[in-house]
Amino acid sequence: MTHNEKQDWDQLAQDAETGAMTPDPNTPSLHGDDAAEAGRAILREVYGTDDLDAISDADLRRGRPSLSAQKTRAAGESPMLRVRVPAQVDEAISSLSQAQGRTKSELIRDWIEEGLRQAS
């Protein structure tokens, strides 16, 4: 990190700590009771309650939900497949992904599932 970059990061850190920086200049930063209430509102929206004792540890876990859990209720990390494809295939998938507003992973999962159904 250069000296100038360090100064920039130091200034950003100081601004964040003093409340001089907001992520969106059109939105004021919240502090104290206002910030606490905003946090409780998010908990109520997501979990239906702001009572932390009523929210299970499993609900509070971070990360993506298992794809397997969506279909079989199994817990744990979803298996991952890695494949290499020609550049033009990657470009075609990227274009289709953007056109459909879906991720490449979503498209490929659907194609694999469809191919397995047809092969059965």
N, C-alpha and C. Protein backbone atom coordinates (compact mmCIF):
# COMPACT_ATOMS: atom_id res chain seq x y z
N MET A 1 0.84 -1.16 0.00
CA MET A 1 0.00 0.00 0.00
C MET A 1 0.90 1.23 0.00
N THR A 2 0.59 2.15 -0.89
CA THR A 2 1.39 3.37 -0.96
C THR A 2 1.04 4.29 0.20
N HIS A 3 1.88 5.29 0.41
CA HIS A 3 1.63 6.27 1.47
C HIS A 3 0.30 6.99 1.24
N ASN A 4 0.02 7.38 -0.01
CA ASN A 4 -1.23 8.07 -0.32
C ASN A 4 -2.45 7.18 -0.08
N GLU A 5 -2.35 5.89 -0.46
CA GLU A 5 -3.46 4.97 -0.21
C GLU A 5 -3.71 4.82 1.28
N LYS A 6 -2.63 4.72 2.07
CA LYS A 6 -2.80 4.61 3.52
C LYS A 6 -3.49 5.85 4.07
N GLN A 7 -3.10 7.02 3.59
CA GLN A 7 -3.76 8.24 4.04
C GLN A 7 -5.24 8.23 3.69
N ASP A 8 -5.56 7.76 2.47
CA ASP A 8 -6.96 7.69 2.06
C ASP A 8 -7.74 6.75 2.97
N TRP A 9 -7.18 5.57 3.27
CA TRP A 9 -7.87 4.61 4.13
C TRP A 9 -8.00 5.15 5.55
N ASP A 10 -6.95 5.81 6.03
CA ASP A 10 -7.02 6.40 7.37
C ASP A 10 -8.12 7.45 7.44
N GLN A 11 -8.24 8.27 6.39
CA GLN A 11 -9.28 9.30 6.37
C GLN A 11 -10.67 8.66 6.33
N LEU A 12 -10.83 7.62 5.51
CA LEU A 12 -12.11 6.91 5.45
C LEU A 12 -12.47 6.31 6.80
N ALA A 13 -11.50 5.71 7.47
CA ALA A 13 -11.75 5.11 8.78
C ALA A 13 -12.16 6.19 9.78
N GLN A 14 -11.45 7.31 9.77
CA GLN A 14 -11.80 8.39 10.69
C GLN A 14 -13.20 8.93 10.39
N ASP A 15 -13.53 9.11 9.11
CA ASP A 15 -14.86 9.59 8.75
C ASP A 15 -15.95 8.61 9.21
N ALA A 16 -15.69 7.31 9.03
CA ALA A 16 -16.68 6.31 9.45
C ALA A 16 -16.86 6.31 10.96
N GLU A 17 -15.77 6.43 11.69
CA GLU A 17 -15.84 6.41 13.15
C GLU A 17 -16.51 7.64 13.73
N THR A 18 -16.39 8.77 13.05
CA THR A 18 -16.97 10.01 13.58
C THR A 18 -18.35 10.29 13.03
N GLY A 19 -18.84 9.42 12.11
CA GLY A 19 -20.16 9.63 11.53
C GLY A 19 -20.16 10.64 10.40
N ALA A 20 -18.98 11.04 9.93
CA ALA A 20 -18.89 12.01 8.86
C ALA A 20 -19.11 11.38 7.49
N MET A 21 -19.17 10.07 7.42
CA MET A 21 -19.34 9.38 6.16
C MET A 21 -20.62 8.55 6.21
N THR A 22 -21.40 8.61 5.17
CA THR A 22 -22.57 7.74 5.04
C THR A 22 -22.45 6.98 3.73
N PRO A 23 -22.92 5.75 3.69
CA PRO A 23 -22.83 4.96 2.45
C PRO A 23 -23.57 5.61 1.29
N ASP A 24 -24.69 6.25 1.57
CA ASP A 24 -25.48 6.93 0.55
C ASP A 24 -25.63 8.37 0.99
N PRO A 25 -25.09 9.31 0.23
CA PRO A 25 -25.14 10.70 0.68
C PRO A 25 -26.57 11.23 0.84
N ASN A 26 -27.55 10.56 0.25
CA ASN A 26 -28.94 10.99 0.38
C ASN A 26 -29.62 10.38 1.60
N THR A 27 -28.91 9.50 2.32
CA THR A 27 -29.48 8.84 3.48
C THR A 27 -28.63 9.19 4.71
N PRO A 28 -29.24 9.76 5.74
CA PRO A 28 -28.46 10.10 6.93
C PRO A 28 -28.03 8.85 7.69
N SER A 29 -26.90 8.94 8.37
CA SER A 29 -26.47 7.82 9.21
C SER A 29 -27.29 7.84 10.50
N LEU A 30 -27.50 6.66 11.05
CA LEU A 30 -28.27 6.53 12.28
C LEU A 30 -27.34 6.27 13.45
N HIS A 31 -27.70 6.80 14.60
CA HIS A 31 -26.90 6.64 15.80
C HIS A 31 -27.83 6.39 16.98
N GLY A 32 -27.29 5.76 18.02
CA GLY A 32 -28.01 5.61 19.28
C GLY A 32 -29.34 4.89 19.14
N ASP A 33 -30.39 5.45 19.74
CA ASP A 33 -31.71 4.82 19.75
C ASP A 33 -32.28 4.64 18.34
N ASP A 34 -32.00 5.60 17.45
CA ASP A 34 -32.49 5.48 16.08
C ASP A 34 -31.86 4.28 15.38
N ALA A 35 -30.56 4.08 15.58
CA ALA A 35 -29.87 2.94 14.97
C ALA A 35 -30.38 1.63 15.57
N ALA A 36 -30.58 1.61 16.88
CA ALA A 36 -31.08 0.40 17.54
C ALA A 36 -32.48 0.04 17.03
N GLU A 37 -33.34 1.03 16.87
CA GLU A 37 -34.69 0.77 16.37
C GLU A 37 -34.66 0.28 14.92
N ALA A 38 -33.78 0.85 14.12
CA ALA A 38 -33.66 0.40 12.73
C ALA A 38 -33.22 -1.07 12.70
N GLY A 39 -32.29 -1.44 13.57
CA GLY A 39 -31.85 -2.84 13.65
C GLY A 39 -32.98 -3.76 14.08
N ARG A 40 -33.77 -3.33 15.08
CA ARG A 40 -34.91 -4.14 15.51
C ARG A 40 -35.94 -4.28 14.40
N ALA A 41 -36.14 -3.22 13.63
CA ALA A 41 -37.10 -3.28 12.51
C ALA A 41 -36.65 -4.31 11.47
N ILE A 42 -35.36 -4.36 11.21
CA ILE A 42 -34.84 -5.36 10.26
C ILE A 42 -35.08 -6.77 10.80
N LEU A 43 -34.81 -6.99 12.09
CA LEU A 43 -35.05 -8.31 12.69
C LEU A 43 -36.53 -8.69 12.57
N ARG A 44 -37.43 -7.73 12.85
CA ARG A 44 -38.87 -8.02 12.76
C ARG A 44 -39.25 -8.37 11.33
N GLU A 45 -38.68 -7.67 10.36
CA GLU A 45 -39.01 -7.94 8.96
C GLU A 45 -38.51 -9.31 8.52
N VAL A 46 -37.28 -9.65 8.92
CA VAL A 46 -36.67 -10.90 8.46
C VAL A 46 -37.15 -12.10 9.26
N TYR A 47 -37.23 -11.96 10.62
CA TYR A 47 -37.50 -13.10 11.49
C TYR A 47 -38.87 -13.06 12.14
N GLY A 48 -39.60 -11.97 11.97
CA GLY A 48 -40.92 -11.87 12.57
C GLY A 48 -40.90 -11.44 14.02
N THR A 49 -39.73 -11.20 14.58
CA THR A 49 -39.59 -10.78 15.97
C THR A 49 -38.26 -10.06 16.14
N ASP A 50 -38.19 -9.20 17.15
CA ASP A 50 -36.90 -8.59 17.47
C ASP A 50 -36.34 -9.15 18.77
N ASP A 51 -36.96 -10.22 19.27
CA ASP A 51 -36.50 -10.90 20.48
C ASP A 51 -35.41 -11.90 20.10
N LEU A 52 -34.16 -11.55 20.41
CA LEU A 52 -33.04 -12.40 20.01
C LEU A 52 -33.12 -13.80 20.62
N ASP A 53 -33.71 -13.92 21.81
CA ASP A 53 -33.84 -15.24 22.43
C ASP A 53 -34.81 -16.13 21.66
N ALA A 54 -35.74 -15.52 20.92
CA ALA A 54 -36.73 -16.29 20.17
C ALA A 54 -36.23 -16.69 18.78
N ILE A 55 -35.13 -16.09 18.36
CA ILE A 55 -34.56 -16.41 17.05
C ILE A 55 -33.52 -17.49 17.25
N SER A 56 -33.67 -18.61 16.54
CA SER A 56 -32.75 -19.72 16.74
C SER A 56 -31.38 -19.42 16.16
N ASP A 57 -30.37 -20.09 16.70
CA ASP A 57 -29.01 -19.94 16.19
C ASP A 57 -28.93 -20.31 14.71
N ALA A 58 -29.73 -21.32 14.31
CA ALA A 58 -29.72 -21.74 12.91
C ALA A 58 -30.22 -20.62 12.01
N ASP A 59 -31.21 -19.86 12.49
CA ASP A 59 -31.71 -18.74 11.69
C ASP A 59 -30.69 -17.63 11.54
N LEU A 60 -29.83 -17.48 12.54
CA LEU A 60 -28.86 -16.40 12.53
C LEU A 60 -27.57 -16.76 11.82
N ARG A 61 -27.40 -18.03 11.40
CA ARG A 61 -26.18 -18.43 10.71
C ARG A 61 -26.00 -17.61 9.45
N ARG A 62 -24.77 -17.31 9.16
CA ARG A 62 -24.47 -16.56 7.95
C ARG A 62 -24.19 -17.51 6.80
N GLY A 63 -24.25 -16.96 5.62
CA GLY A 63 -23.90 -17.72 4.43
C GLY A 63 -25.13 -18.12 3.64
N ARG A 64 -24.87 -18.72 2.53
CA ARG A 64 -25.95 -19.16 1.66
C ARG A 64 -26.61 -20.40 2.23
N PRO A 65 -27.91 -20.51 2.04
CA PRO A 65 -28.55 -21.77 2.43
C PRO A 65 -28.11 -22.88 1.48
N SER A 66 -28.06 -24.08 1.99
CA SER A 66 -27.68 -25.21 1.17
C SER A 66 -28.71 -25.41 0.06
N LEU A 67 -28.24 -25.64 -1.16
CA LEU A 67 -29.16 -25.93 -2.25
C LEU A 67 -29.85 -27.26 -2.01
N SER A 68 -29.17 -28.19 -1.38
CA SER A 68 -29.77 -29.48 -1.06
C SER A 68 -30.91 -29.31 -0.07
N ALA A 69 -30.76 -28.37 0.85
CA ALA A 69 -31.80 -28.14 1.85
C ALA A 69 -33.10 -27.69 1.21
N GLN A 70 -33.01 -27.02 0.07
CA GLN A 70 -34.22 -26.56 -0.60
C GLN A 70 -35.05 -27.73 -1.11
N LYS A 71 -34.41 -28.83 -1.40
CA LYS A 71 -35.13 -29.96 -1.98
C LYS A 71 -35.30 -31.13 -1.02
N THR A 72 -34.31 -31.36 -0.15
CA THR A 72 -34.35 -32.55 0.69
C THR A 72 -34.29 -32.23 2.17
N ARG A 73 -34.16 -30.97 2.51
CA ARG A 73 -34.03 -30.53 3.90
C ARG A 73 -32.72 -31.00 4.54
N ALA A 74 -31.77 -31.42 3.72
CA ALA A 74 -30.47 -31.81 4.25
C ALA A 74 -29.69 -30.56 4.64
N ALA A 75 -28.87 -30.68 5.64
CA ALA A 75 -28.07 -29.54 6.08
C ALA A 75 -26.67 -29.66 5.51
N GLY A 76 -25.93 -28.58 5.58
CA GLY A 76 -24.54 -28.61 5.17
C GLY A 76 -24.32 -27.90 3.86
N GLU A 77 -23.08 -27.92 3.46
CA GLU A 77 -22.66 -27.21 2.27
C GLU A 77 -23.08 -27.97 1.02
N SER A 78 -23.53 -27.24 0.00
CA SER A 78 -23.91 -27.85 -1.27
C SER A 78 -22.66 -28.32 -2.01
N PRO A 79 -22.72 -29.49 -2.64
CA PRO A 79 -21.58 -29.93 -3.45
C PRO A 79 -21.34 -28.95 -4.59
N MET A 80 -20.09 -28.80 -5.00
CA MET A 80 -19.76 -27.90 -6.09
C MET A 80 -19.07 -28.69 -7.20
N LEU A 81 -19.49 -28.42 -8.43
CA LEU A 81 -18.84 -29.01 -9.60
C LEU A 81 -18.06 -27.91 -10.30
N ARG A 82 -16.88 -28.24 -10.78
CA ARG A 82 -16.09 -27.28 -11.55
C ARG A 82 -15.81 -27.90 -12.90
N VAL A 83 -16.09 -27.16 -13.94
CA VAL A 83 -15.82 -27.64 -15.30
C VAL A 83 -15.13 -26.54 -16.09
N ARG A 84 -14.38 -26.95 -17.07
CA ARG A 84 -13.77 -25.99 -17.99
C ARG A 84 -14.56 -26.03 -19.29
N VAL A 85 -14.77 -24.85 -19.85
CA VAL A 85 -15.51 -24.74 -21.11
C VAL A 85 -14.73 -23.80 -22.03
N PRO A 86 -14.97 -23.93 -23.34
CA PRO A 86 -14.34 -22.99 -24.27
C PRO A 86 -14.82 -21.56 -23.99
N ALA A 87 -13.98 -20.58 -24.32
CA ALA A 87 -14.30 -19.18 -24.07
C ALA A 87 -15.64 -18.78 -24.70
N GLN A 88 -15.91 -19.27 -25.91
CA GLN A 88 -17.15 -18.88 -26.57
C GLN A 88 -18.38 -19.44 -25.84
N VAL A 89 -18.26 -20.58 -25.19
CA VAL A 89 -19.37 -21.12 -24.40
C VAL A 89 -19.58 -20.24 -23.17
N ASP A 90 -18.50 -19.86 -22.50
CA ASP A 90 -18.61 -18.97 -21.35
C ASP A 90 -19.26 -17.65 -21.74
N GLU A 91 -18.85 -17.09 -22.88
CA GLU A 91 -19.41 -15.83 -23.35
C GLU A 91 -20.90 -15.97 -23.65
N ALA A 92 -21.29 -17.08 -24.26
CA ALA A 92 -22.70 -17.31 -24.57
C ALA A 92 -23.53 -17.45 -23.30
N ILE A 93 -22.99 -18.16 -22.31
CA ILE A 93 -23.70 -18.31 -21.04
C ILE A 93 -23.80 -16.95 -20.34
N SER A 94 -22.75 -16.17 -20.36
CA SER A 94 -22.77 -14.84 -19.74
C SER A 94 -23.82 -13.95 -20.40
N SER A 95 -23.88 -13.97 -21.73
CA SER A 95 -24.87 -13.17 -22.46
C SER A 95 -26.28 -13.59 -22.11
N LEU A 96 -26.52 -14.89 -22.10
CA LEU A 96 -27.85 -15.40 -21.76
C LEU A 96 -28.21 -15.06 -20.32
N SER A 97 -27.24 -15.17 -19.44
CA SER A 97 -27.44 -14.85 -18.02
C SER A 97 -27.90 -13.40 -17.88
N GLN A 98 -27.22 -12.49 -18.54
CA GLN A 98 -27.59 -11.08 -18.47
C GLN A 98 -28.95 -10.84 -19.09
N ALA A 99 -29.22 -11.46 -20.22
CA ALA A 99 -30.50 -11.26 -20.91
C ALA A 99 -31.68 -11.75 -20.07
N GLN A 100 -31.47 -12.83 -19.32
CA GLN A 100 -32.55 -13.40 -18.51
C GLN A 100 -32.56 -12.88 -17.08
N GLY A 101 -31.53 -12.11 -16.71
CA GLY A 101 -31.48 -11.60 -15.34
C GLY A 101 -31.28 -12.69 -14.31
N ARG A 102 -30.54 -13.71 -14.70
CA ARG A 102 -30.26 -14.84 -13.80
C ARG A 102 -28.75 -15.03 -13.74
N THR A 103 -28.29 -15.71 -12.70
CA THR A 103 -26.86 -15.99 -12.61
C THR A 103 -26.50 -17.15 -13.52
N LYS A 104 -25.23 -17.22 -13.86
CA LYS A 104 -24.76 -18.35 -14.67
C LYS A 104 -25.00 -19.65 -13.91
N SER A 105 -24.79 -19.63 -12.59
CA SER A 105 -25.00 -20.85 -11.79
C SER A 105 -26.44 -21.31 -11.87
N GLU A 106 -27.39 -20.38 -11.79
CA GLU A 106 -28.81 -20.76 -11.88
C GLU A 106 -29.11 -21.42 -13.21
N LEU A 107 -28.63 -20.81 -14.30
CA LEU A 107 -28.86 -21.39 -15.62
C LEU A 107 -28.28 -22.79 -15.72
N ILE A 108 -27.04 -22.93 -15.32
CA ILE A 108 -26.36 -24.22 -15.46
C ILE A 108 -27.02 -25.29 -14.59
N ARG A 109 -27.42 -24.92 -13.34
CA ARG A 109 -28.14 -25.90 -12.49
C ARG A 109 -29.41 -26.38 -13.19
N ASP A 110 -30.18 -25.42 -13.75
CA ASP A 110 -31.41 -25.80 -14.45
C ASP A 110 -31.13 -26.72 -15.63
N TRP A 111 -30.07 -26.41 -16.39
CA TRP A 111 -29.74 -27.24 -17.55
C TRP A 111 -29.34 -28.65 -17.12
N ILE A 112 -28.56 -28.75 -16.05
CA ILE A 112 -28.15 -30.07 -15.56
C ILE A 112 -29.37 -30.86 -15.11
N GLU A 113 -30.25 -30.23 -14.32
CA GLU A 113 -31.44 -30.93 -13.85
C GLU A 113 -32.32 -31.38 -15.01
N GLU A 114 -32.49 -30.52 -16.03
CA GLU A 114 -33.28 -30.88 -17.19
C GLU A 114 -32.64 -32.03 -17.94
N GLY A 115 -31.32 -31.97 -18.11
CA GLY A 115 -30.62 -33.05 -18.80
C GLY A 115 -30.74 -34.37 -18.05
N LEU A 116 -30.69 -34.33 -16.72
CA LEU A 116 -30.86 -35.56 -15.95
C LEU A 116 -32.28 -36.10 -16.05
N ARG A 117 -33.27 -35.21 -16.08
CA ARG A 117 -34.68 -35.68 -16.25
C ARG A 117 -34.85 -36.34 -17.60
N GLN A 118 -34.27 -35.75 -18.64
CA GLN A 118 -34.41 -36.31 -19.99
C GLN A 118 -33.65 -37.63 -20.12
N ALA A 119 -32.56 -37.78 -19.38
CA ALA A 119 -31.76 -39.00 -19.46
C ALA A 119 -32.39 -40.16 -18.69
N SER A 120 -33.31 -39.86 -17.78
CA SER A 120 -33.94 -40.93 -16.97
C SER A 120 -34.97 -41.69 -17.75
